PDB file of N, CA and C in Angstrom:
ATOM      1  N   UNK A   1      -8.009 288.832-131.165  1.00  0.00           N
ATOM      2  CA  UNK A   1      -8.425 288.717-129.782  1.00  0.00           C
ATOM      3  C   UNK A   1      -7.306 288.045-128.988  1.00  0.00           C
ATOM      4  N   UNK A   2      -7.190 288.406-127.748  1.00  0.00           N
ATOM      5  CA  UNK A   2      -6.122 287.882-126.896  1.00  0.00           C
ATOM      6  C   UNK A   2      -6.235 286.365-126.760  1.00  0.00           C
ATOM      7  N   UNK A   3      -7.456 285.863-126.670  1.00  0.00           N
ATOM      8  CA  UNK A   3      -7.624 284.415-126.524  1.00  0.00           C
ATOM      9  C   UNK A   3      -7.104 283.662-127.744  1.00  0.00           C
ATOM     10  N   UNK A   4      -7.252 284.249-128.921  1.00  0.00           N
ATOM     11  CA  UNK A   4      -6.718 283.618-130.131  1.00  0.00           C
ATOM     12  C   UNK A   4      -5.198 283.541-130.069  1.00  0.00           C
ATOM     13  N   UNK A   5      -4.567 284.609-129.575  1.00  0.00           N
ATOM     14  CA  UNK A   5      -3.107 284.615-129.429  1.00  0.00           C
ATOM     15  C   UNK A   5      -2.660 283.564-128.410  1.00  0.00           C
ATOM     16  N   UNK A   6      -3.392 283.460-127.313  1.00  0.00           N
ATOM     17  CA  UNK A   6      -3.042 282.461-126.300  1.00  0.00           C
ATOM     18  C   UNK A   6      -3.226 281.043-126.845  1.00  0.00           C
ATOM     19  N   UNK A   7      -4.312 280.829-127.575  1.00  0.00           N
ATOM     20  CA  UNK A   7      -4.569 279.504-128.157  1.00  0.00           C
ATOM     21  C   UNK A   7      -3.480 279.142-129.153  1.00  0.00           C
ATOM     22  N   UNK A   8      -3.027 280.118-129.924  1.00  0.00           N
ATOM     23  CA  UNK A   8      -1.954 279.885-130.893  1.00  0.00           C
ATOM     24  C   UNK A   8      -0.670 279.440-130.180  1.00  0.00           C
ATOM     25  N   UNK A   9      -0.470 279.926-128.955  1.00  0.00           N
ATOM     26  CA  UNK A   9       0.713 279.564-128.160  1.00  0.00           C
ATOM     27  C   UNK A   9       0.457 278.363-127.250  1.00  0.00           C
ATOM     28  N   UNK A  10      -0.689 277.682-127.466  1.00  0.00           N
ATOM     29  CA  UNK A  10      -1.088 276.509-126.673  1.00  0.00           C
ATOM     30  C   UNK A  10      -1.224 276.836-125.185  1.00  0.00           C
ATOM     31  N   UNK A  11      -1.803 277.998-124.889  1.00  0.00           N
ATOM     32  CA  UNK A  11      -2.051 278.421-123.512  1.00  0.00           C
ATOM     33  C   UNK A  11      -3.553 278.436-123.298  1.00  0.00           C
ATOM     34  N   UNK A  12      -4.005 277.873-122.185  1.00  0.00           N
ATOM     35  CA  UNK A  12      -5.423 277.862-121.855  1.00  0.00           C
ATOM     36  C   UNK A  12      -5.637 278.610-120.547  1.00  0.00           C
ATOM     37  N   UNK A  13      -6.734 279.357-120.476  1.00  0.00           N
ATOM     38  CA  UNK A  13      -7.117 280.054-119.267  1.00  0.00           C
ATOM     39  C   UNK A  13      -8.121 279.191-118.535  1.00  0.00           C
ATOM     40  N   UNK A  14      -7.795 278.865-117.290  1.00  0.00           N
ATOM     41  CA  UNK A  14      -8.706 278.070-116.479  1.00  0.00           C
ATOM     42  C   UNK A  14      -8.984 278.862-115.215  1.00  0.00           C
ATOM     43  N   UNK A  15     -10.248 279.241-115.042  1.00  0.00           N
ATOM     44  CA  UNK A  15     -10.667 279.971-113.855  1.00  0.00           C
ATOM     45  C   UNK A  15     -11.510 279.043-112.997  1.00  0.00           C
ATOM     46  N   UNK A  16     -11.007 278.712-111.831  1.00  0.00           N
ATOM     47  CA  UNK A  16     -11.725 277.804-110.947  1.00  0.00           C
ATOM     48  C   UNK A  16     -12.945 278.486-110.331  1.00  0.00           C
ATOM     49  N   UNK A  17     -12.825 279.769-110.036  1.00  0.00           N
ATOM     50  CA  UNK A  17     -13.923 280.493-109.397  1.00  0.00           C
ATOM     51  C   UNK A  17     -15.127 280.592-110.331  1.00  0.00           C
ATOM     52  N   UNK A  18     -14.904 280.952-111.601  1.00  0.00           N
ATOM     53  CA  UNK A  18     -15.996 281.104-112.556  1.00  0.00           C
ATOM     54  C   UNK A  18     -16.288 279.819-113.325  1.00  0.00           C
ATOM     55  N   UNK A  19     -15.489 278.785-113.085  1.00  0.00           N
ATOM     56  CA  UNK A  19     -15.642 277.502-113.764  1.00  0.00           C
ATOM     57  C   UNK A  19     -15.541 277.666-115.283  1.00  0.00           C
ATOM     58  N   UNK A  20     -14.499 278.375-115.729  1.00  0.00           N
ATOM     59  CA  UNK A  20     -14.243 278.576-117.151  1.00  0.00           C
ATOM     60  C   UNK A  20     -12.956 277.872-117.532  1.00  0.00           C
ATOM     61  N   UNK A  21     -12.972 277.279-118.697  1.00  0.00           N
ATOM     62  CA  UNK A  21     -11.783 276.605-119.220  1.00  0.00           C
ATOM     63  C   UNK A  21     -11.740 276.872-120.719  1.00  0.00           C
ATOM     64  N   UNK A  22     -10.804 277.712-121.155  1.00  0.00           N
ATOM     65  CA  UNK A  22     -10.753 278.093-122.572  1.00  0.00           C
ATOM     66  C   UNK A  22     -10.192 276.995-123.466  1.00  0.00           C
ATOM     67  N   UNK A  23      -9.833 275.874-122.882  1.00  0.00           N
ATOM     68  CA  UNK A  23      -9.393 274.756-123.723  1.00  0.00           C
ATOM     69  C   UNK A  23     -10.590 273.966-124.248  1.00  0.00           C
ATOM     70  N   UNK A  24     -11.795 274.306-123.782  1.00  0.00           N
ATOM     71  CA  UNK A  24     -13.009 273.640-124.246  1.00  0.00           C
ATOM     72  C   UNK A  24     -13.832 274.602-125.098  1.00  0.00           C
ATOM     73  N   UNK A  25     -14.625 274.066-126.015  1.00  0.00           N
ATOM     74  CA  UNK A  25     -15.479 274.934-126.837  1.00  0.00           C
ATOM     75  C   UNK A  25     -16.457 275.758-125.997  1.00  0.00           C
ATOM     76  N   UNK A  26     -17.003 275.165-124.960  1.00  0.00           N
ATOM     77  CA  UNK A  26     -17.945 275.882-124.100  1.00  0.00           C
ATOM     78  C   UNK A  26     -17.257 277.031-123.371  1.00  0.00           C
ATOM     79  N   UNK A  27     -16.061 276.788-122.895  1.00  0.00           N
ATOM     80  CA  UNK A  27     -15.310 277.833-122.204  1.00  0.00           C
ATOM     81  C   UNK A  27     -14.971 278.994-123.119  1.00  0.00           C
ATOM     82  N   UNK A  28     -14.536 278.680-124.345  1.00  0.00           N
ATOM     83  CA  UNK A  28     -14.230 279.735-125.313  1.00  0.00           C
ATOM     84  C   UNK A  28     -15.489 280.529-125.657  1.00  0.00           C
ATOM     85  N   UNK A  29     -16.620 279.833-125.786  1.00  0.00           N
ATOM     86  CA  UNK A  29     -17.885 280.492-126.084  1.00  0.00           C
ATOM     87  C   UNK A  29     -18.262 281.455-124.956  1.00  0.00           C
ATOM     88  N   UNK A  30     -18.147 281.014-123.711  1.00  0.00           N
ATOM     89  CA  UNK A  30     -18.511 281.858-122.570  1.00  0.00           C
ATOM     90  C   UNK A  30     -17.625 283.095-122.491  1.00  0.00           C
ATOM     91  N   UNK A  31     -16.335 282.930-122.716  1.00  0.00           N
ATOM     92  CA  UNK A  31     -15.430 284.076-122.682  1.00  0.00           C
ATOM     93  C   UNK A  31     -15.759 285.035-123.824  1.00  0.00           C
ATOM     94  N   UNK A  32     -16.131 284.504-124.978  1.00  0.00           N
ATOM     95  CA  UNK A  32     -16.529 285.359-126.098  1.00  0.00           C
ATOM     96  C   UNK A  32     -17.791 286.153-125.766  1.00  0.00           C
ATOM     97  N   UNK A  33     -18.729 285.517-125.086  1.00  0.00           N
ATOM     98  CA  UNK A  33     -19.960 286.201-124.671  1.00  0.00           C
ATOM     99  C   UNK A  33     -19.627 287.319-123.691  1.00  0.00           C
ATOM    100  N   UNK A  34     -18.756 287.032-122.701  1.00  0.00           N
ATOM    101  CA  UNK A  34     -18.360 288.056-121.722  1.00  0.00           C
ATOM    102  C   UNK A  34     -17.671 289.229-122.418  1.00  0.00           C
ATOM    103  N   UNK A  35     -16.829 288.936-123.396  1.00  0.00           N
ATOM    104  CA  UNK A  35     -16.127 289.998-124.125  1.00  0.00           C
ATOM    105  C   UNK A  35     -17.121 290.846-124.921  1.00  0.00           C
ATOM    106  N   UNK A  36     -18.105 290.199-125.538  1.00  0.00           N
ATOM    107  CA  UNK A  36     -19.109 290.934-126.306  1.00  0.00           C
ATOM    108  C   UNK A  36     -19.949 291.818-125.391  1.00  0.00           C
ATOM    109  N   UNK A  37     -20.294 291.320-124.209  1.00  0.00           N
ATOM    110  CA  UNK A  37     -21.060 292.120-123.252  1.00  0.00           C
ATOM    111  C   UNK A  37     -20.243 293.312-122.757  1.00  0.00           C
ATOM    112  N   UNK A  38     -18.979 293.106-122.513  1.00  0.00           N
ATOM    113  CA  UNK A  38     -18.113 294.197-122.071  1.00  0.00           C
ATOM    114  C   UNK A  38     -18.001 295.268-123.158  1.00  0.00           C
ATOM    115  N   UNK A  39     -17.879 294.850-124.402  1.00  0.00           N
ATOM    116  CA  UNK A  39     -17.801 295.800-125.513  1.00  0.00           C
ATOM    117  C   UNK A  39     -19.111 296.567-125.642  1.00  0.00           C
ATOM    118  N   UNK A  40     -20.245 295.885-125.519  1.00  0.00           N
ATOM    119  CA  UNK A  40     -21.547 296.534-125.589  1.00  0.00           C
ATOM    120  C   UNK A  40     -21.688 297.581-124.491  1.00  0.00           C
ATOM    121  N   UNK A  41     -21.313 297.230-123.272  1.00  0.00           N
ATOM    122  CA  UNK A  41     -21.417 298.169-122.149  1.00  0.00           C
ATOM    123  C   UNK A  41     -20.528 299.389-122.384  1.00  0.00           C
ATOM    124  N   UNK A  42     -19.312 299.179-122.873  1.00  0.00           N
ATOM    125  CA  UNK A  42     -18.409 300.299-123.142  1.00  0.00           C
ATOM    126  C   UNK A  42     -18.996 301.231-124.194  1.00  0.00           C
ATOM    127  N   UNK A  43     -19.566 300.667-125.251  1.00  0.00           N
ATOM    128  CA  UNK A  43     -20.162 301.491-126.293  1.00  0.00           C
ATOM    129  C   UNK A  43     -21.376 302.257-125.781  1.00  0.00           C
ATOM    130  N   UNK A  44     -22.150 301.635-124.888  1.00  0.00           N
ATOM    131  CA  UNK A  44     -23.300 302.327-124.305  1.00  0.00           C
ATOM    132  C   UNK A  44     -22.851 303.474-123.408  1.00  0.00           C
ATOM    133  N   UNK A  45     -21.787 303.269-122.660  1.00  0.00           N
ATOM    134  CA  UNK A  45     -21.240 304.339-121.812  1.00  0.00           C
ATOM    135  C   UNK A  45     -20.821 305.520-122.674  1.00  0.00           C
ATOM    136  N   UNK A  46     -20.118 305.243-123.766  1.00  0.00           N
ATOM    137  CA  UNK A  46     -19.669 306.315-124.660  1.00  0.00           C
ATOM    138  C   UNK A  46     -20.852 307.052-125.290  1.00  0.00           C
ATOM    139  N   UNK A  47     -21.900 306.325-125.634  1.00  0.00           N
ATOM    140  CA  UNK A  47     -23.096 306.944-126.213  1.00  0.00           C
ATOM    141  C   UNK A  47     -23.777 307.842-125.194  1.00  0.00           C
ATOM    142  N   UNK A  48     -23.917 307.356-123.953  1.00  0.00           N
ATOM    143  CA  UNK A  48     -24.537 308.172-122.906  1.00  0.00           C
ATOM    144  C   UNK A  48     -23.698 309.419-122.624  1.00  0.00           C
ATOM    145  N   UNK A  49     -22.380 309.256-122.644  1.00  0.00           N
ATOM    146  CA  UNK A  49     -21.495 310.394-122.409  1.00  0.00           C
ATOM    147  C   UNK A  49     -21.678 311.438-123.516  1.00  0.00           C
ATOM    148  N   UNK A  50     -21.703 310.982-124.750  1.00  0.00           N
ATOM    149  CA  UNK A  50     -21.878 311.883-125.887  1.00  0.00           C
ATOM    150  C   UNK A  50     -23.221 312.599-125.796  1.00  0.00           C
ATOM    151  N   UNK A  51     -24.282 311.867-125.448  1.00  0.00           N
ATOM    152  CA  UNK A  51     -25.611 312.476-125.314  1.00  0.00           C
ATOM    153  C   UNK A  51     -25.624 313.512-124.193  1.00  0.00           C
ATOM    154  N   UNK A  52     -24.940 313.225-123.093  1.00  0.00           N
ATOM    155  CA  UNK A  52     -24.868 314.173-121.985  1.00  0.00           C
ATOM    156  C   UNK A  52     -24.141 315.447-122.372  1.00  0.00           C
ATOM    157  N   UNK A  53     -23.049 315.309-123.102  1.00  0.00           N
ATOM    158  CA  UNK A  53     -22.295 316.485-123.554  1.00  0.00           C
ATOM    159  C   UNK A  53     -23.141 317.316-124.504  1.00  0.00           C
ATOM    160  N   UNK A  54     -23.846 316.655-125.429  1.00  0.00           N
ATOM    161  CA  UNK A  54     -24.705 317.381-126.366  1.00  0.00           C
ATOM    162  C   UNK A  54     -25.812 318.127-125.624  1.00  0.00           C
ATOM    163  N   UNK A  55     -26.390 317.502-124.591  1.00  0.00           N
ATOM    164  CA  UNK A  55     -27.444 318.152-123.808  1.00  0.00           C
ATOM    165  C   UNK A  55     -26.888 319.364-123.059  1.00  0.00           C
ATOM    166  N   UNK A  56     -25.682 319.235-122.497  1.00  0.00           N
ATOM    167  CA  UNK A  56     -25.070 320.361-121.803  1.00  0.00           C
ATOM    168  C   UNK A  56     -24.766 321.499-122.766  1.00  0.00           C
ATOM    169  N   UNK A  57     -24.293 321.168-123.956  1.00  0.00           N
ATOM    170  CA  UNK A  57     -24.008 322.204-124.954  1.00  0.00           C
ATOM    171  C   UNK A  57     -25.297 322.920-125.359  1.00  0.00           C
ATOM    172  N   UNK A  58     -26.384 322.162-125.504  1.00  0.00           N
ATOM    173  CA  UNK A  58     -27.671 322.765-125.871  1.00  0.00           C
ATOM    174  C   UNK A  58     -28.159 323.707-124.776  1.00  0.00           C
ATOM    175  N   UNK A  59     -27.871 323.386-123.512  1.00  0.00           N
ATOM    176  CA  UNK A  59     -28.276 324.241-122.392  1.00  0.00           C
ATOM    177  C   UNK A  59     -27.279 325.358-122.123  1.00  0.00           C
ATOM    178  N   UNK A  60     -26.121 325.291-122.780  1.00  0.00           N
ATOM    179  CA  UNK A  60     -25.090 326.300-122.560  1.00  0.00           C
ATOM    180  C   UNK A  60     -24.313 326.102-121.277  1.00  0.00           C
ATOM    181  N   UNK A  61     -24.315 324.881-120.730  1.00  0.00           N
ATOM    182  CA  UNK A  61     -23.622 324.618-119.458  1.00  0.00           C
ATOM    183  C   UNK A  61     -22.379 323.764-119.625  1.00  0.00           C
ATOM    184  N   UNK A  62     -22.007 323.434-120.850  1.00  0.00           N
ATOM    185  CA  UNK A  62     -20.832 322.575-121.071  1.00  0.00           C
ATOM    186  C   UNK A  62     -19.564 323.381-120.858  1.00  0.00           C
ATOM    187  N   UNK A  63     -18.688 322.855-120.000  1.00  0.00           N
ATOM    188  CA  UNK A  63     -17.459 323.581-119.674  1.00  0.00           C
ATOM    189  C   UNK A  63     -16.232 323.001-120.363  1.00  0.00           C
ATOM    190  N   UNK A  64     -16.361 321.885-121.038  1.00  0.00           N
ATOM    191  CA  UNK A  64     -15.244 321.352-121.806  1.00  0.00           C
ATOM    192  C   UNK A  64     -14.348 320.390-121.066  1.00  0.00           C
ATOM    193  N   UNK A  65     -14.848 319.664-120.106  1.00  0.00           N
ATOM    194  CA  UNK A  65     -14.034 318.651-119.435  1.00  0.00           C
ATOM    195  C   UNK A  65     -13.746 318.977-117.990  1.00  0.00           C
ATOM    196  N   UNK A  66     -12.649 318.434-117.502  1.00  0.00           N
ATOM    197  CA  UNK A  66     -12.294 318.605-116.102  1.00  0.00           C
ATOM    198  C   UNK A  66     -11.949 320.060-115.801  1.00  0.00           C
ATOM    199  N   UNK A  67     -12.302 320.496-114.593  1.00  0.00           N
ATOM    200  CA  UNK A  67     -11.934 321.863-114.217  1.00  0.00           C
ATOM    201  C   UNK A  67     -10.423 321.989-114.058  1.00  0.00           C
ATOM    202  N   UNK A  68      -9.911 323.123-114.418  1.00  0.00           N
ATOM    203  CA  UNK A  68      -8.477 323.386-114.294  1.00  0.00           C
ATOM    204  C   UNK A  68      -8.147 323.772-112.865  1.00  0.00           C
ATOM    205  N   UNK A  69      -6.970 323.388-112.426  1.00  0.00           N
ATOM    206  CA  UNK A  69      -6.507 323.700-111.084  1.00  0.00           C
ATOM    207  C   UNK A  69      -5.463 324.805-111.179  1.00  0.00           C
ATOM    208  N   UNK A  70      -5.676 325.864-110.419  1.00  0.00           N
ATOM    209  CA  UNK A  70      -4.704 326.956-110.404  1.00  0.00           C
ATOM    210  C   UNK A  70      -3.520 326.544-109.527  1.00  0.00           C
ATOM    211  N   UNK A  71      -2.315 326.731-110.034  1.00  0.00           N
ATOM    212  CA  UNK A  71      -1.104 326.349-109.311  1.00  0.00           C
ATOM    213  C   UNK A  71      -0.265 327.597-109.074  1.00  0.00           C
ATOM    214  N   UNK A  72       0.093 327.790-107.818  1.00  0.00           N
ATOM    215  CA  UNK A  72       0.994 328.885-107.461  1.00  0.00           C
ATOM    216  C   UNK A  72       2.412 328.361-107.685  1.00  0.00           C
ATOM    217  N   UNK A  73       3.022 328.780-108.781  1.00  0.00           N
ATOM    218  CA  UNK A  73       4.337 328.261-109.175  1.00  0.00           C
ATOM    219  C   UNK A  73       5.407 328.520-108.108  1.00  0.00           C
ATOM    220  N   UNK A  74       5.381 329.702-107.499  1.00  0.00           N
ATOM    221  CA  UNK A  74       6.389 330.028-106.483  1.00  0.00           C
ATOM    222  C   UNK A  74       6.260 329.112-105.266  1.00  0.00           C
ATOM    223  N   UNK A  75       5.024 328.894-104.822  1.00  0.00           N
ATOM    224  CA  UNK A  75       4.798 328.025-103.664  1.00  0.00           C
ATOM    225  C   UNK A  75       5.193 326.581-103.990  1.00  0.00           C
ATOM    226  N   UNK A  76       4.838 326.120-105.184  1.00  0.00           N
ATOM    227  CA  UNK A  76       5.181 324.767-105.603  1.00  0.00           C
ATOM    228  C   UNK A  76       6.691 324.577-105.635  1.00  0.00           C
ATOM    229  N   UNK A  77       7.401 325.548-106.189  1.00  0.00           N
ATOM    230  CA  UNK A  77       8.859 325.474-106.268  1.00  0.00           C
ATOM    231  C   UNK A  77       9.473 325.437-104.872  1.00  0.00           C
ATOM    232  N   UNK A  78       8.948 326.258-103.967  1.00  0.00           N
ATOM    233  CA  UNK A  78       9.481 326.301-102.604  1.00  0.00           C
ATOM    234  C   UNK A  78       9.243 324.987-101.871  1.00  0.00           C
ATOM    235  N   UNK A  79       8.045 324.417-102.011  1.00  0.00           N
ATOM    236  CA  UNK A  79       7.724 323.146-101.343  1.00  0.00           C
ATOM    237  C   UNK A  79       8.574 322.017-101.927  1.00  0.00           C
ATOM    238  N   UNK A  80       8.753 321.998-103.247  1.00  0.00           N
ATOM    239  CA  UNK A  80       9.591 320.965-103.879  1.00  0.00           C
ATOM    240  C   UNK A  80      11.030 321.051-103.387  1.00  0.00           C
ATOM    241  N   UNK A  81      11.538 322.268-103.240  1.00  0.00           N
ATOM    242  CA  UNK A  81      12.905 322.442-102.749  1.00  0.00           C
ATOM    243  C   UNK A  81      13.037 321.923-101.319  1.00  0.00           C
ATOM    244  N   UNK A  82      12.062 322.249-100.472  1.00  0.00           N
ATOM    245  CA  UNK A  82      12.100 321.760 -99.082  1.00  0.00           C
ATOM    246  C   UNK A  82      12.054 320.235 -99.036  1.00  0.00           C
ATOM    247  N   UNK A  83      11.244 319.631 -99.936  1.00  0.00           N
ATOM    248  CA  UNK A  83      11.146 318.166 -99.970  1.00  0.00           C
ATOM    249  C   UNK A  83      12.452 317.542-100.452  1.00  0.00           C
ATOM    250  N   UNK A  84      13.026 318.097-101.518  1.00  0.00           N
ATOM    251  CA  UNK A  84      14.293 317.575-102.037  1.00  0.00           C
ATOM    252  C   UNK A  84      15.432 317.721-101.037  1.00  0.00           C
ATOM    253  N   UNK A  85      15.394 318.796-100.255  1.00  0.00           N
ATOM    254  CA  UNK A  85      16.433 319.020 -99.243  1.00  0.00           C
ATOM    255  C   UNK A  85      16.223 318.162 -98.000  1.00  0.00           C
ATOM    256  N   UNK A  86      15.113 317.415 -97.953  1.00  0.00           N
ATOM    257  CA  UNK A  86      14.856 316.535 -96.820  1.00  0.00           C
ATOM    258  C   UNK A  86      14.260 317.249 -95.613  1.00  0.00           C
ATOM    259  N   UNK A  87      13.813 318.470 -95.786  1.00  0.00           N
ATOM    260  CA  UNK A  87      13.225 319.215 -94.689  1.00  0.00           C
ATOM    261  C   UNK A  87      11.837 318.721 -94.341  1.00  0.00           C
ATOM    262  N   UNK A  88      11.098 318.253 -95.353  1.00  0.00           N
ATOM    263  CA  UNK A  88       9.729 317.751 -95.144  1.00  0.00           C
ATOM    264  C   UNK A  88       9.560 316.451 -95.906  1.00  0.00           C
ATOM    265  N   UNK A  89       8.569 315.670 -95.500  1.00  0.00           N
ATOM    266  CA  UNK A  89       8.259 314.429 -96.193  1.00  0.00           C
ATOM    267  C   UNK A  89       7.289 314.731 -97.347  1.00  0.00           C
ATOM    268  N   UNK A  90       7.099 313.748 -98.196  1.00  0.00           N
ATOM    269  CA  UNK A  90       6.179 313.911 -99.316  1.00  0.00           C
ATOM    270  C   UNK A  90       4.749 314.109 -98.799  1.00  0.00           C
ATOM    271  N   UNK A  91       4.401 313.424 -97.715  1.00  0.00           N
ATOM    272  CA  UNK A  91       3.071 313.579 -97.127  1.00  0.00           C
ATOM    273  C   UNK A  91       2.905 315.001 -96.607  1.00  0.00           C
ATOM    274  N   UNK A  92       3.921 315.506 -95.933  1.00  0.00           N
ATOM    275  CA  UNK A  92       3.859 316.878 -95.426  1.00  0.00           C
ATOM    276  C   UNK A  92       3.814 317.873 -96.572  1.00  0.00           C
ATOM    277  N   UNK A  93       4.459 317.576 -97.682  1.00  0.00           N
ATOM    278  CA  UNK A  93       4.460 318.485 -98.826  1.00  0.00           C
ATOM    279  C   UNK A  93       3.073 318.616 -99.433  1.00  0.00           C
ATOM    280  N   UNK A  94       2.292 317.559 -99.392  1.00  0.00           N
ATOM    281  CA  UNK A  94       0.939 317.631 -99.960  1.00  0.00           C
ATOM    282  C   UNK A  94       0.027 318.525 -99.130  1.00  0.00           C
ATOM    283  N   UNK A  95       0.365 318.702 -97.847  1.00  0.00           N
ATOM    284  CA  UNK A  95      -0.436 319.531 -96.970  1.00  0.00           C
ATOM    285  C   UNK A  95      -0.073 321.021 -97.077  1.00  0.00           C
ATOM    286  N   UNK A  96       1.042 321.310 -97.709  1.00  0.00           N
ATOM    287  CA  UNK A  96       1.496 322.721 -97.783  1.00  0.00           C
ATOM    288  C   UNK A  96       0.687 323.529 -98.741  1.00  0.00           C
TER     289      UNK A  96
END
């Protein structure tokens, strides 16, 4: 854990806003609790995501991730050339 590495280097995290001080047993305990809650939430998100994908596959609506974007290679090359030549700005290039 990162806190163990910091403690080994004699570094303490002191948060005035949350009133946490990792140089104290209570502070280390609170940070450990926050880390455990964050890990639990992440695992629950992954479980819900997996369940959603399985449900979509069962319904036949799963598309396999983000939709692909079609790119017109000729237009992209032309806009990049105009930008590199200083004819248009990067903001203007995004509008092309």
